[in-house]
Amino acid sequence: MKKIVIFTIKTINKSIKYFIFSVPLLFFNVIALWAEEKIDVFPSTPYDQFIIYQALILFWIGIIGLIVILKMKLKEIERIQSMGIDKEEKDVPFLD
């Protein structure tokens, strides 16, 4: 009987914790309903939407291209360092 009472108390405590954490979330969802009307971020005409999506695609292609170029440059720098070309030699003749 004692185990059942302890189990019931733990269950009630968990229920109270869930209720306490869920009430603020419910309140924040209700606040969103009181907000002002939604403003369209993207235009509603298909032609303008096409232009925006085309600009986004070009932007991301440019970002990916820059990442590829940086990766190639880093590989080239690692290759030069592994060959030892970046180090100065002491016995190099000067052209004067």
Protein backbone atom coordinates (compact mmCIF):
# COMPACT_ATOMS: atom_id res chain seq x y z
CA MET A 1 0.00 0.00 0.00
CA LYS A 2 2.88 2.31 0.82
CA LYS A 3 4.42 1.78 -2.63
CA ILE A 4 1.15 2.66 -4.33
CA VAL A 5 0.90 5.92 -2.38
CA ILE A 6 4.49 6.86 -3.23
CA PHE A 7 3.90 6.04 -6.90
CA THR A 8 0.72 8.14 -6.90
CA ILE A 9 2.51 11.10 -5.32
CA LYS A 10 5.31 10.89 -7.91
CA THR A 11 2.76 10.72 -10.73
CA ILE A 12 0.92 13.75 -9.37
CA ASN A 13 4.20 15.66 -9.04
CA LYS A 14 5.08 14.89 -12.66
CA SER A 15 1.63 15.98 -13.78
CA ILE A 16 1.96 19.26 -11.91
CA LYS A 17 5.40 19.88 -13.46
CA TYR A 18 4.05 19.22 -16.97
CA PHE A 19 1.13 21.54 -16.29
CA ILE A 20 3.39 24.31 -14.98
CA PHE A 21 5.64 24.10 -18.05
CA SER A 22 2.80 23.81 -20.56
CA VAL A 23 0.75 26.80 -19.37
CA PRO A 24 3.35 29.42 -20.44
CA LEU A 25 3.69 27.74 -23.83
CA LEU A 26 -0.07 27.87 -24.29
CA PHE A 27 -0.05 31.53 -23.24
CA PHE A 28 2.65 32.39 -25.81
CA ASN A 29 0.64 30.67 -28.55
CA VAL A 30 -2.42 32.75 -27.64
CA ILE A 31 -0.35 35.94 -27.80
CA ALA A 32 0.42 35.16 -31.44
CA LEU A 33 -3.30 35.23 -32.17
CA TRP A 34 -3.54 38.77 -30.80
CA ALA A 35 -0.79 39.99 -33.11
CA GLU A 36 -1.44 42.33 -35.98
CA GLU A 37 -2.28 41.03 -39.41
CA LYS A 38 0.43 39.24 -41.33
CA ILE A 39 2.46 41.19 -43.83
CA ASP A 40 3.49 39.30 -46.97
CA VAL A 41 7.25 39.08 -47.16
CA PHE A 42 7.31 37.72 -50.70
CA PRO A 43 5.21 39.32 -53.41
CA SER A 44 2.09 37.50 -54.52
CA THR A 45 2.64 37.76 -58.27
CA PRO A 46 4.43 34.79 -59.86
CA TYR A 47 6.82 36.97 -61.89
CA ASP A 48 8.14 38.76 -58.79
CA GLN A 49 8.40 35.47 -56.91
CA PHE A 50 10.48 34.07 -59.77
CA ILE A 51 12.88 37.02 -59.57
CA ILE A 52 13.31 36.63 -55.81
CA TYR A 53 13.90 32.88 -56.01
CA GLN A 54 16.33 33.38 -58.89
CA ALA A 55 18.30 35.89 -56.81
CA LEU A 56 18.38 33.47 -53.87
CA ILE A 57 19.64 30.66 -56.10
CA LEU A 58 22.41 32.86 -57.51
CA PHE A 59 23.35 33.96 -53.99
CA TRP A 60 23.72 30.37 -52.74
CA ILE A 61 25.61 29.31 -55.87
CA GLY A 62 28.02 32.18 -55.17
CA ILE A 63 28.45 31.16 -51.53
CA ILE A 64 29.12 27.54 -52.49
CA GLY A 65 31.56 28.71 -55.18
CA LEU A 66 33.49 30.79 -52.65
CA ILE A 67 33.72 27.82 -50.30
CA VAL A 68 35.06 25.63 -53.12
CA ILE A 69 37.65 28.26 -54.09
CA LEU A 70 38.81 28.62 -50.46
CA LYS A 71 39.12 24.86 -50.13
CA MET A 72 41.22 24.68 -53.31
CA LYS A 73 43.48 27.48 -52.08
CA LEU A 74 43.99 25.74 -48.73
CA LYS A 75 44.93 22.51 -50.49
CA GLU A 76 47.42 24.44 -52.65
CA ILE A 77 48.97 26.06 -49.56
CA GLU A 78 49.27 22.66 -47.85
CA ARG A 79 50.92 21.23 -50.99
CA ILE A 80 53.43 24.09 -51.14
CA GLN A 81 54.24 23.73 -47.45
CA SER A 82 54.72 19.96 -47.75
CA MET A 83 57.18 20.49 -50.64
CA GLY A 84 59.11 23.10 -48.65
CA ILE A 85 58.94 25.75 -51.38
CA ASP A 86 57.84 28.46 -48.94
CA LYS A 87 61.13 28.28 -46.96
CA GLU A 88 64.01 30.53 -47.96
CA GLU A 89 67.32 29.03 -48.96
CA LYS A 90 70.52 30.64 -47.66
CA ASP A 91 72.75 29.99 -50.67
CA VAL A 92 70.57 31.50 -53.38
CA PRO A 93 72.50 33.83 -55.72
CA PHE A 94 71.17 37.37 -56.07
CA LEU A 95 70.63 39.00 -59.43
CA ASP A 96 72.00 42.55 -59.17
